């Protein structure tokens, strides 16, 4: 069992930046692909980014390419999401998730085995 705890959300003006963190429990963190998803009220959960266990490969949803960067520190059991040039449409709850399927199904919420409780990001115009 893996427990995930997100932090770093908040209120920011359009054009600003935020850095989200996700801390995982357990000693197998480096074996998991990790992902970030977001969900706005009344909308489906949307893929944001994912990263391989080593950190060598990263993947992004079209809506955030060029603005968001995912990274990880396996020594700290943490994964990060650096969000730049934020837009009001980025407003959502952001969720960290762990994939223990060797990266199969990374862009779908159903492809993940463990989820955090989420952190809210609100971007004002």
Protein backbone atom coordinates (compact mmCIF):
# COMPACT_ATOMS: atom_id res chain seq x y z
CA UNK A 1 0.00 0.00 0.00
CA UNK A 2 1.26 3.47 -0.92
CA UNK A 3 -0.01 6.67 0.65
CA UNK A 4 0.29 9.91 -1.29
CA UNK A 5 -0.01 13.41 0.14
CA UNK A 6 -0.09 16.51 -2.06
CA UNK A 7 0.85 20.03 -1.04
CA UNK A 8 1.57 23.40 -2.59
CA UNK A 9 -1.79 24.39 -3.97
CA UNK A 10 -3.24 27.85 -3.54
CA UNK A 11 -4.52 31.01 -5.18
CA UNK A 12 -2.41 32.66 -7.86
CA UNK A 13 -2.98 35.31 -10.51
CA UNK A 14 -2.99 34.45 -14.19
CA UNK A 15 0.55 34.31 -15.52
CA UNK A 16 1.93 33.26 -12.17
CA UNK A 17 3.57 30.04 -11.02
CA UNK A 18 3.03 27.34 -8.42
CA UNK A 19 4.94 24.22 -7.49
CA UNK A 20 3.03 21.20 -6.28
CA UNK A 21 4.64 18.42 -4.28
CA UNK A 22 3.54 14.89 -3.61
CA UNK A 23 5.13 12.80 -0.88
CA UNK A 24 4.81 9.02 -0.95
CA UNK A 25 5.14 6.48 1.80
CA UNK A 26 6.97 3.18 1.41
CA UNK A 27 10.27 1.92 0.10
CA UNK A 28 9.25 1.12 -3.47
CA UNK A 29 8.64 4.67 -4.71
CA UNK A 30 11.31 4.52 -7.40
CA UNK A 31 9.62 1.53 -9.02
CA UNK A 32 6.41 3.44 -9.75
CA UNK A 33 5.57 5.70 -12.61
CA UNK A 34 3.98 8.78 -11.07
CA UNK A 35 1.33 11.02 -12.53
CA UNK A 36 -0.57 14.22 -11.94
CA UNK A 37 -4.21 14.65 -12.83
CA UNK A 38 -6.64 17.50 -12.33
CA UNK A 39 -10.38 17.77 -12.00
CA UNK A 40 -12.55 20.86 -12.20
CA UNK A 41 -16.15 20.90 -10.92
CA UNK A 42 -18.47 19.13 -13.32
CA UNK A 43 -15.62 17.83 -15.48
CA UNK A 44 -13.85 14.51 -15.81
CA UNK A 45 -10.45 13.92 -14.30
CA UNK A 46 -7.83 15.08 -16.82
CA UNK A 47 -4.30 13.80 -17.37
CA UNK A 48 -1.67 16.47 -16.71
CA UNK A 49 1.73 14.78 -16.62
CA UNK A 50 3.55 11.56 -15.77
CA UNK A 51 7.13 10.53 -15.13
CA UNK A 52 8.99 7.23 -15.18
CA UNK A 53 10.47 5.66 -12.08
CA UNK A 54 13.98 6.87 -12.85
CA UNK A 55 12.78 10.30 -13.92
CA UNK A 56 14.33 9.87 -17.36
CA UNK A 57 11.03 10.04 -19.25
CA UNK A 58 8.20 12.53 -18.85
CA UNK A 59 4.84 12.82 -20.56
CA UNK A 60 2.40 15.72 -20.73
CA UNK A 61 -1.18 16.43 -21.58
CA UNK A 62 -1.70 18.77 -24.52
CA UNK A 63 -3.22 21.50 -22.37
CA UNK A 64 -0.07 21.94 -20.28
CA UNK A 65 2.80 21.19 -22.67
CA UNK A 66 5.44 23.90 -22.55
CA UNK A 67 4.07 25.36 -19.30
CA UNK A 68 4.24 22.56 -16.73
CA UNK A 69 7.21 20.39 -15.76
CA UNK A 70 7.08 17.15 -13.80
CA UNK A 71 10.10 15.92 -11.84
CA UNK A 72 10.89 13.58 -8.96
CA UNK A 73 13.39 13.03 -6.17
CA UNK A 74 13.49 9.34 -5.31
CA UNK A 75 15.72 9.93 -2.29
CA UNK A 76 12.91 12.01 -0.79
CA UNK A 77 10.01 9.94 -2.12
CA UNK A 78 8.64 13.03 -3.79
CA UNK A 79 7.27 14.04 -7.16
CA UNK A 80 6.77 17.65 -8.21
CA UNK A 81 4.73 19.63 -10.69
CA UNK A 82 6.13 23.04 -11.60
CA UNK A 83 3.34 25.10 -13.14
CA UNK A 84 4.23 28.27 -15.02
CA UNK A 85 2.19 30.74 -17.06
CA UNK A 86 -0.93 29.67 -15.24
CA UNK A 87 -4.31 30.38 -16.78
CA UNK A 88 -7.78 30.57 -15.21
CA UNK A 89 -8.66 27.33 -17.00
CA UNK A 90 -5.95 25.58 -14.96
CA UNK A 91 -8.16 26.01 -11.90
CA UNK A 92 -8.90 22.55 -10.52
CA UNK A 93 -8.14 20.06 -7.81
CA UNK A 94 -4.78 18.47 -8.59
CA UNK A 95 -4.16 14.84 -7.71
CA UNK A 96 -1.01 12.80 -7.48
CA UNK A 97 -1.19 9.12 -8.47
CA UNK A 98 1.06 6.06 -8.64
CA UNK A 99 1.15 3.54 -11.50
CA UNK A 100 2.62 0.14 -10.65
CA UNK A 101 2.00 -1.29 -14.12
CA UNK A 102 5.35 -0.29 -15.62
CA UNK A 103 3.83 2.73 -17.29
CA UNK A 104 0.89 1.05 -18.98
CA UNK A 105 -2.12 3.35 -19.15
CA UNK A 106 -0.37 6.50 -18.00
CA UNK A 107 -2.77 8.98 -19.59
CA UNK A 108 -5.91 7.46 -18.07
CA UNK A 109 -7.05 7.69 -14.49
CA UNK A 110 -7.92 4.00 -14.58
CA UNK A 111 -4.24 3.23 -15.12
CA UNK A 112 -3.27 4.25 -11.59
CA UNK A 113 -3.36 2.21 -8.44
CA UNK A 114 -2.95 4.77 -5.68
CA UNK A 115 -4.22 8.33 -5.33
CA UNK A 116 -3.69 11.27 -3.04
CA UNK A 117 -6.47 13.41 -1.60
CA UNK A 118 -5.69 16.35 -3.87
CA UNK A 119 -4.72 19.99 -3.52
CA UNK A 120 -6.70 22.92 -4.90
CA UNK A 121 -5.22 25.33 -7.43
CA UNK A 122 -7.17 28.48 -8.21
CA UNK A 123 -6.00 30.89 -10.89
CA UNK A 124 -7.63 34.31 -10.91
CA UNK A 125 -7.94 36.42 -14.06
